[in-house]
Amino acid sequence: MKIKEEKETLKRGEFLRSLGLSTSALMAFYCMGTLTACSSGEDDPQPTGNNNNGGTGSTSGLTGNATGSNINFTLDLTSSNYSKLKTEGEYVLAGDVMVALASGNKYVALSKRCTHEGANVQYRLSQNDVFCNNHGSVFNLDGTVKQSPAPSPLKAYKTELSQNGNSLRIYE
């Protein structure tokens, strides 16, 4: 009697997702070229994360350029990744930008990296400011430094809410 051995294989993307790697980590591997060396071209991981709570990765609901220079993108506020931006005090990280619905239902968009050492910043509703948890820098909503050690302001972007309130444009 011959026993047939079945070889169980995981596709590359399935394996990486099973390790619990975030979409950002997967994208970092792609950018470094690490994942392409052994690629069969099958099952390249697709972004599956969300950007809620300053989260990681997915661009579902984002169109345009959210990284580098010439920032100009639109967030679909009906998308599960960005719908929390309809709630005062909530924020997300989208590309290189932190977007928040600040006190008074005013949208604020600032560069997401603290100018001190590059850690991600977060919006704080109770103080109505932007805070870097790394070394305690605090920024006003226009990006100016409120409390050091940050040596310079965060870049501020313009925001424009659509008439129906379902999309938010962020641009320079």
Protein backbone atom coordinates (compact mmCIF):
# COMPACT_ATOMS: atom_id res chain seq x y z
CA MET A 1 0.00 0.00 0.00
CA LYS A 2 1.42 3.32 -1.08
CA ILE A 3 0.63 6.40 0.98
CA LYS A 4 0.39 9.58 -0.98
CA GLU A 5 2.15 12.45 0.73
CA GLU A 6 0.50 15.78 0.32
CA LYS A 7 2.73 18.77 0.37
CA GLU A 8 1.05 21.76 1.98
CA THR A 9 2.33 25.06 0.71
CA LEU A 10 1.55 28.63 1.56
CA LYS A 11 1.79 31.38 -0.92
CA ARG A 12 4.22 34.12 0.04
CA GLY A 13 1.51 36.63 0.98
CA GLU A 14 -0.41 34.09 3.04
CA PHE A 15 2.75 33.24 4.95
CA LEU A 16 3.59 36.87 5.69
CA ARG A 17 0.02 37.64 6.77
CA SER A 18 0.07 34.56 9.03
CA LEU A 19 3.05 36.09 10.82
CA GLY A 20 0.88 39.06 11.66
CA LEU A 21 2.95 41.58 9.73
CA SER A 22 1.19 44.87 9.23
CA THR A 23 0.59 46.27 5.80
CA SER A 24 3.26 48.89 6.51
CA ALA A 25 5.80 46.16 7.22
CA LEU A 26 4.83 44.35 4.04
CA MET A 27 5.20 47.55 2.04
CA ALA A 28 8.63 48.14 3.61
CA PHE A 29 9.70 44.69 2.42
CA TYR A 30 8.47 45.54 -1.07
CA CYS A 31 10.31 48.86 -1.11
CA MET A 32 13.54 47.15 -0.06
CA GLY A 33 13.06 44.55 -2.78
CA THR A 34 13.12 41.74 -0.23
CA LEU A 35 9.92 40.10 -1.41
CA THR A 36 10.66 40.17 -5.10
CA ALA A 37 13.77 37.98 -4.99
CA CYS A 38 11.78 34.78 -4.49
CA SER A 39 8.59 35.87 -6.15
CA SER A 40 6.65 33.56 -8.37
CA GLY A 41 4.40 36.48 -9.21
CA GLU A 42 1.51 34.87 -7.35
CA ASP A 43 -0.29 36.11 -4.28
CA ASP A 44 1.44 39.40 -3.72
CA PRO A 45 0.04 40.71 -0.44
CA GLN A 46 -2.63 43.34 -0.79
CA PRO A 47 -3.12 45.99 1.86
CA THR A 48 -5.66 44.80 4.39
CA GLY A 49 -5.03 47.04 7.39
CA ASN A 50 -6.81 50.21 8.32
CA ASN A 51 -5.67 53.67 9.14
CA ASN A 52 -7.86 54.10 12.17
CA ASN A 53 -6.17 55.30 15.34
CA GLY A 54 -3.23 56.41 13.30
CA GLY A 55 -3.00 52.86 12.09
CA THR A 56 -1.10 51.22 9.35
CA GLY A 57 -1.29 50.96 5.73
CA SER A 58 -4.38 50.57 3.66
CA THR A 59 -5.05 53.14 0.99
CA SER A 60 -8.63 52.01 0.40
CA GLY A 61 -10.62 55.22 0.42
CA LEU A 62 -7.61 57.39 -0.42
CA THR A 63 -6.97 58.79 -3.88
CA GLY A 64 -4.10 61.02 -4.94
CA ASN A 65 -0.63 61.69 -3.56
CA ALA A 66 -0.33 61.37 0.24
CA THR A 67 3.46 60.96 0.41
CA GLY A 68 6.53 62.98 -0.49
CA SER A 69 6.21 66.35 -2.14
CA ASN A 70 3.11 67.82 -3.77
CA ILE A 71 0.68 66.36 -1.23
CA ASN A 72 -2.78 66.38 -2.81
CA PHE A 73 -5.19 63.60 -1.93
CA THR A 74 -8.80 62.93 -1.07
CA LEU A 75 -10.15 60.72 1.69
CA ASP A 76 -13.48 58.97 1.26
CA LEU A 77 -15.15 59.55 4.62
CA THR A 78 -17.65 56.78 3.89
CA SER A 79 -14.79 54.25 3.74
CA SER A 80 -14.28 52.19 6.89
CA ASN A 81 -10.66 53.38 6.92
CA TYR A 82 -11.60 57.05 7.26
CA SER A 83 -15.20 57.20 8.51
CA LYS A 84 -14.00 57.93 12.02
CA LEU A 85 -12.97 61.37 10.74
CA LYS A 86 -16.64 62.31 11.00
CA THR A 87 -16.28 62.15 14.81
CA GLU A 88 -14.77 65.12 16.61
CA GLY A 89 -11.49 64.22 18.29
CA GLU A 90 -10.60 61.35 15.98
CA TYR A 91 -7.55 61.27 13.72
CA VAL A 92 -5.85 59.04 11.16
CA LEU A 93 -2.46 58.83 9.54
CA ALA A 94 -2.71 58.89 5.76
CA GLY A 95 0.59 58.65 3.93
CA ASP A 96 2.85 61.35 5.37
CA VAL A 97 -0.04 63.29 6.91
CA MET A 98 -1.94 63.24 10.21
CA VAL A 99 -5.55 64.27 9.64
CA ALA A 100 -7.83 65.09 12.57
CA LEU A 101 -11.31 66.40 13.20
CA ALA A 102 -10.36 68.89 15.88
CA SER A 103 -12.46 70.65 18.47
CA GLY A 104 -15.21 72.72 16.88
CA ASN A 105 -15.48 70.23 13.98
CA LYS A 106 -12.50 71.81 12.19
CA TYR A 107 -10.35 69.55 10.03
CA VAL A 108 -6.60 69.80 10.55
CA ALA A 109 -3.90 68.20 8.41
CA LEU A 110 -0.24 68.31 9.46
CA SER A 111 2.88 66.35 8.61
CA LYS A 112 2.76 63.22 10.73
CA ARG A 113 6.42 63.12 11.79
CA CYS A 114 7.65 65.13 14.77
CA THR A 115 10.46 67.49 13.77
CA HIS A 116 12.52 66.37 16.76
CA GLU A 117 13.22 62.73 15.94
CA GLY A 118 10.57 61.73 13.42
CA ALA A 119 8.10 59.84 15.62
CA ASN A 120 4.43 59.92 14.61
CA VAL A 121 2.32 62.62 16.22
CA GLN A 122 -1.26 62.33 17.44
CA TYR A 123 -4.15 64.70 17.94
CA ARG A 124 -5.37 65.29 21.51
CA LEU A 125 -8.95 66.51 21.81
CA SER A 126 -8.72 67.36 25.52
CA GLN A 127 -5.88 69.84 24.87
CA ASN A 128 -6.88 70.57 21.26
CA ASP A 129 -3.27 70.15 20.14
CA VAL A 130 -0.90 67.70 18.50
CA PHE A 131 1.41 65.66 20.70
CA CYS A 132 4.53 63.58 20.13
CA ASN A 133 4.56 60.72 22.58
CA ASN A 134 8.28 60.09 22.00
CA HIS A 135 9.80 63.09 23.85
CA GLY A 136 6.81 65.26 24.68
CA SER A 137 6.85 67.86 21.92
CA VAL A 138 3.54 69.67 21.53
CA PHE A 139 2.29 71.52 18.46
CA ASN A 140 -0.51 74.02 17.90
CA LEU A 141 -3.10 73.14 15.25
CA ASP A 142 -1.33 75.42 12.75
CA GLY A 143 1.80 73.27 13.18
CA THR A 144 3.81 75.75 15.24
CA VAL A 145 5.79 74.45 18.20
CA LYS A 146 3.97 74.90 21.51
CA GLN A 147 6.46 72.93 23.60
CA SER A 148 9.95 71.69 22.64
CA PRO A 149 12.17 69.69 22.11
CA ALA A 150 10.80 69.94 18.54
CA PRO A 151 13.07 72.43 16.75
CA SER A 152 10.66 73.45 14.01
CA PRO A 153 6.96 73.41 13.11
CA LEU A 154 5.03 70.64 11.44
CA LYS A 155 4.04 71.34 7.85
CA ALA A 156 0.38 72.35 7.66
CA TYR A 157 -1.85 71.36 4.75
CA LYS A 158 -5.13 72.83 3.56
CA THR A 159 -8.33 70.85 3.97
CA GLU A 160 -11.55 71.05 1.99
CA LEU A 161 -14.68 69.12 2.91
CA SER A 162 -17.04 68.23 0.07
CA GLN A 163 -20.54 69.75 0.12
CA ASN A 164 -22.10 66.40 0.99
CA GLY A 165 -19.54 65.82 3.76
CA ASN A 166 -18.42 62.46 2.35
CA SER A 167 -14.94 63.36 1.15
CA LEU A 168 -12.08 65.44 2.47
CA ARG A 169 -9.36 66.87 0.24
CA ILE A 170 -5.91 67.56 1.72
CA TYR A 171 -3.50 69.63 -0.34
CA GLU A 172 -0.60 72.09 -0.26
